[in-house]
Protein backbone atom coordinates (compact mmCIF):
# COMPACT_ATOMS: atom_id res chain seq x y z
CA UNK A 1 -19.51 3.86 -13.28
CA UNK A 2 -18.66 1.23 -15.89
CA UNK A 3 -14.94 1.50 -15.14
CA UNK A 4 -15.59 1.07 -11.41
CA UNK A 5 -17.82 -1.92 -12.06
CA UNK A 6 -15.08 -3.39 -14.24
CA UNK A 7 -12.82 -3.79 -11.17
CA UNK A 8 -15.39 -6.13 -9.67
CA UNK A 9 -15.88 -7.99 -12.95
CA UNK A 10 -12.09 -8.30 -13.30
CA UNK A 11 -11.81 -10.21 -10.02
CA UNK A 12 -14.65 -12.51 -11.06
CA UNK A 13 -12.92 -13.08 -14.39
CA UNK A 14 -9.67 -14.01 -12.63
CA UNK A 15 -11.54 -16.60 -10.58
CA UNK A 16 -13.06 -18.08 -13.71
CA UNK A 17 -9.84 -18.08 -15.74
CA UNK A 18 -7.76 -19.68 -12.99
CA UNK A 19 -10.57 -21.84 -11.62
CA UNK A 20 -10.17 -20.51 -8.08
CA UNK A 21 -12.45 -18.96 -5.48
CA UNK A 22 -10.22 -17.30 -2.88
CA UNK A 23 -8.11 -14.45 -4.24
CA UNK A 24 -6.17 -11.75 -2.41
CA UNK A 25 -5.02 -8.31 -3.51
CA UNK A 26 -1.78 -6.61 -2.41
CA UNK A 27 -0.57 -3.03 -2.75
CA UNK A 28 1.81 -0.59 -1.05
CA UNK A 29 1.92 3.05 0.00
CA UNK A 30 4.89 5.32 0.52
CA UNK A 31 7.39 3.82 -1.85
CA UNK A 32 8.28 7.20 -3.37
CA UNK A 33 8.47 9.11 -0.07
CA UNK A 34 11.78 10.28 1.36
CA UNK A 35 10.64 9.87 4.98
CA UNK A 36 8.60 7.35 6.91
CA UNK A 37 7.84 3.69 6.26
CA UNK A 38 6.55 1.78 3.30
CA UNK A 39 3.23 0.18 4.24
CA UNK A 40 1.96 -2.91 2.45
CA UNK A 41 -1.50 -4.43 2.73
CA UNK A 42 -3.05 -7.66 1.53
CA UNK A 43 -6.76 -8.39 1.69
CA UNK A 44 -9.25 -11.12 0.83
CA UNK A 45 -12.73 -9.81 0.06
CA UNK A 46 -15.87 -11.97 0.24
CA UNK A 47 -16.66 -13.78 -2.99
CA UNK A 48 -19.87 -11.86 -3.64
CA UNK A 49 -18.72 -8.48 -2.31
CA UNK A 50 -19.23 -5.54 -4.67
CA UNK A 51 -18.49 -1.90 -3.88
CA UNK A 52 -18.04 0.49 -6.79
CA UNK A 53 -16.61 3.12 -4.41
CA UNK A 54 -13.45 1.07 -3.94
CA UNK A 55 -10.74 2.27 -6.32
CA UNK A 56 -7.11 3.40 -6.32
CA UNK A 57 -6.64 5.18 -2.98
CA UNK A 58 -4.98 8.16 -4.66
CA UNK A 59 -8.26 8.89 -6.46
CA UNK A 60 -10.31 9.12 -3.24
CA UNK A 61 -10.46 12.00 -0.79
CA UNK A 62 -9.31 11.50 2.78
CA UNK A 63 -12.78 11.33 4.33
CA UNK A 64 -13.99 8.70 1.87
CA UNK A 65 -10.76 6.69 2.24
CA UNK A 66 -11.30 6.44 6.00
CA UNK A 67 -14.90 5.30 5.56
CA UNK A 68 -13.82 2.66 3.05
CA UNK A 69 -10.90 1.66 5.30
CA UNK A 70 -13.34 0.84 8.11
CA UNK A 71 -15.71 -0.91 5.71
CA UNK A 72 -12.98 -3.08 4.19
CA UNK A 73 -11.65 -4.15 7.59
CA UNK A 74 -15.18 -5.00 8.69
CA UNK A 75 -16.19 -7.14 5.73
CA UNK A 76 -12.83 -8.67 4.72
CA UNK A 77 -12.45 -12.41 5.14
CA UNK A 78 -8.87 -11.61 6.12
CA UNK A 79 -6.39 -8.77 5.85
CA UNK A 80 -2.81 -8.11 6.92
CA UNK A 81 -0.75 -4.93 7.02
CA UNK A 82 3.04 -4.80 7.04
CA UNK A 83 5.06 -1.72 8.04
CA UNK A 84 8.62 -1.48 6.70
CA UNK A 85 10.59 1.20 8.58
CA UNK A 86 12.77 3.76 6.80
CA UNK A 87 15.94 2.05 8.05
CA UNK A 88 14.90 -1.24 6.42
CA UNK A 89 13.97 0.56 3.19
CA UNK A 90 17.51 2.00 3.18
CA UNK A 91 19.02 -1.45 3.66
CA UNK A 92 16.90 -3.30 1.10
CA UNK A 93 15.85 -0.54 -1.39
CA UNK A 94 12.22 0.52 -2.02
CA UNK A 95 11.39 -2.17 -4.60
CA UNK A 96 12.70 -5.05 -2.52
CA UNK A 97 11.08 -3.64 0.62
CA UNK A 98 7.71 -3.60 -1.14
CA UNK A 99 8.17 -7.18 -2.36
CA UNK A 100 9.19 -8.46 1.08
CA UNK A 101 6.22 -6.64 2.62
CA UNK A 102 3.82 -8.18 0.11
CA UNK A 103 5.15 -11.68 0.68
CA UNK A 104 5.00 -11.30 4.47
CA UNK A 105 1.49 -9.80 4.44
CA UNK A 106 0.14 -12.58 2.20
CA UNK A 107 1.65 -15.23 4.46
CA UNK A 108 0.02 -13.60 7.50
CA UNK A 109 -3.49 -13.83 6.04
CA UNK A 110 -5.61 -16.17 8.14
CA UNK A 111 -6.92 -17.76 4.94
CA UNK A 112 -4.51 -18.93 2.24
CA UNK A 113 -5.44 -17.35 -1.10
CA UNK A 114 -5.46 -19.61 -4.14
CA UNK A 115 -4.06 -16.75 -6.17
CA UNK A 116 -2.66 -13.38 -5.09
CA UNK A 117 -3.07 -10.34 -7.32
CA UNK A 118 -0.06 -8.05 -6.96
CA UNK A 119 0.10 -4.41 -7.96
CA UNK A 120 3.13 -3.90 -10.16
CA UNK A 121 5.53 -6.42 -8.64
CA UNK A 122 6.60 -9.98 -9.40
CA UNK A 123 7.03 -11.91 -6.17
CA UNK A 124 8.99 -14.98 -7.30
CA UNK A 125 8.06 -16.89 -4.15
CA UNK A 126 7.36 -20.57 -4.87
CA UNK A 127 4.96 -20.75 -1.91
CA UNK A 128 2.72 -18.00 -3.33
CA UNK A 129 0.71 -18.34 -6.53
CA UNK A 130 0.82 -14.70 -7.62
CA UNK A 131 -0.15 -12.66 -10.64
CA UNK A 132 1.65 -9.41 -11.41
CA UNK A 133 -0.67 -6.65 -12.61
CA UNK A 134 0.63 -3.30 -13.84
CA UNK A 135 -1.58 -0.54 -12.41
CA UNK A 136 -3.51 -3.28 -10.68
CA UNK A 137 -5.32 -0.84 -8.40
CA UNK A 138 -7.15 0.37 -11.51
CA UNK A 139 -7.98 -3.18 -12.60
CA UNK A 140 -8.88 -5.16 -9.50
CA UNK A 141 -11.27 -4.45 -6.63
CA UNK A 142 -9.10 -6.58 -4.35
CA UNK A 143 -5.92 -4.62 -5.10
CA UNK A 144 -7.79 -1.31 -4.83
CA UNK A 145 -9.03 -2.37 -1.38
CA UNK A 146 -5.46 -3.19 -0.35
CA UNK A 147 -4.31 0.21 -1.60
CA UNK A 148 -6.85 1.90 0.70
CA UNK A 149 -5.74 -0.13 3.72
CA UNK A 150 -2.09 0.71 3.02
CA UNK A 151 -2.67 4.41 2.30
CA UNK A 152 -4.85 5.17 5.33
CA UNK A 153 -2.53 3.24 7.66
CA UNK A 154 0.53 5.09 6.37
CA UNK A 155 -1.14 8.51 6.51
CA UNK A 156 -1.99 7.96 10.18
CA UNK A 157 1.57 6.85 10.89
CA UNK A 158 2.92 10.02 9.27
CA UNK A 159 0.60 12.17 11.39
CA UNK A 160 1.95 10.48 14.52
CA UNK A 161 5.55 10.91 13.34
CA UNK A 162 4.84 14.59 12.68
CA UNK A 163 4.16 14.97 16.41
CA UNK A 164 7.39 13.18 17.33
CA UNK A 165 9.51 15.05 14.81
CA UNK A 166 7.86 18.46 14.29
CA UNK A 167 9.02 20.84 11.61
CA UNK A 168 8.70 18.70 8.49
CA UNK A 169 4.90 19.04 8.09
CA UNK A 170 4.42 15.31 7.51
CA UNK A 171 0.73 15.66 8.31
CA UNK A 172 0.43 17.46 4.98
CA UNK A 173 3.23 16.13 2.74
CA UNK A 174 3.20 12.58 4.20
CA UNK A 175 6.99 12.41 3.78
CA UNK A 176 6.96 12.76 0.00
CA UNK A 177 9.49 14.82 -1.96
CA UNK A 178 7.75 18.18 -2.15
CA UNK A 179 9.44 21.57 -2.47
CA UNK A 180 8.26 22.50 1.02
CA UNK A 181 9.53 19.24 2.53
CA UNK A 182 12.94 19.76 0.96
CA UNK A 183 13.09 23.30 2.32
CA UNK A 184 12.20 22.04 5.80
CA UNK A 185 14.84 19.32 5.50
CA UNK A 186 17.40 22.01 4.69
CA UNK A 187 16.40 23.97 7.81
CA UNK A 188 15.97 21.14 10.34
CA UNK A 189 18.36 18.51 9.00
CA UNK A 190 17.82 14.77 8.76
CA UNK A 191 15.44 13.08 11.19
CA UNK A 192 15.58 9.40 12.21
CA UNK A 193 12.61 8.84 9.86
CA UNK A 194 14.30 10.13 6.71
CA UNK A 195 15.53 7.59 4.16
CA UNK A 196 19.24 8.25 3.91
CA UNK A 197 19.60 6.34 0.64
CA UNK A 198 17.32 8.81 -1.17
CA UNK A 199 19.05 11.51 -3.24
CA UNK A 200 17.25 14.54 -1.69
CA UNK A 201 18.33 13.32 1.79
CA UNK A 202 21.85 12.12 0.94
CA UNK A 203 23.19 15.61 0.36
CA UNK A 204 22.55 16.50 4.01
CA UNK A 205 24.49 13.55 5.46
């Protein structure tokens, strides 16, 4: 419980250190997948909001993620979600796609954050006062909330894509590089949603 509470205290500490009130958190989902989009979310939580259930989305089961997803959207002062298609990821590369998505999502927030907490990436955008945090979804409640928005959104997209392109079992593997997904890729070939710049996909071009 102390570690979970620390995410809330961390955000308060950031406000005190930087003498700001409005902070946003940004995170992505799907960067390591070989199919489907990268999804990036940015969110501004209320100043006094505290929820110890909010943590790195990968540490929460699907049912709880969906409940928190609805809760975060309901209470957020503002949030924005960016979807970067596989074709764009191929053109830019995963890292740059994530950065572009974070910048765009922050700029689409209806309230301008005084400082943006970024999971893992350095934005280098002069119009955004950002702070790079390694494993930020374990440090900040705001980034953890963004990770939940991104993860749930992407999982639902992959379920829809599984209906459009059956045979790859994206409902289960979510497009990631699993043994089963690679076997299915070998059988069915490359779909329009596969990232052709990724090594496991390249060999089937």
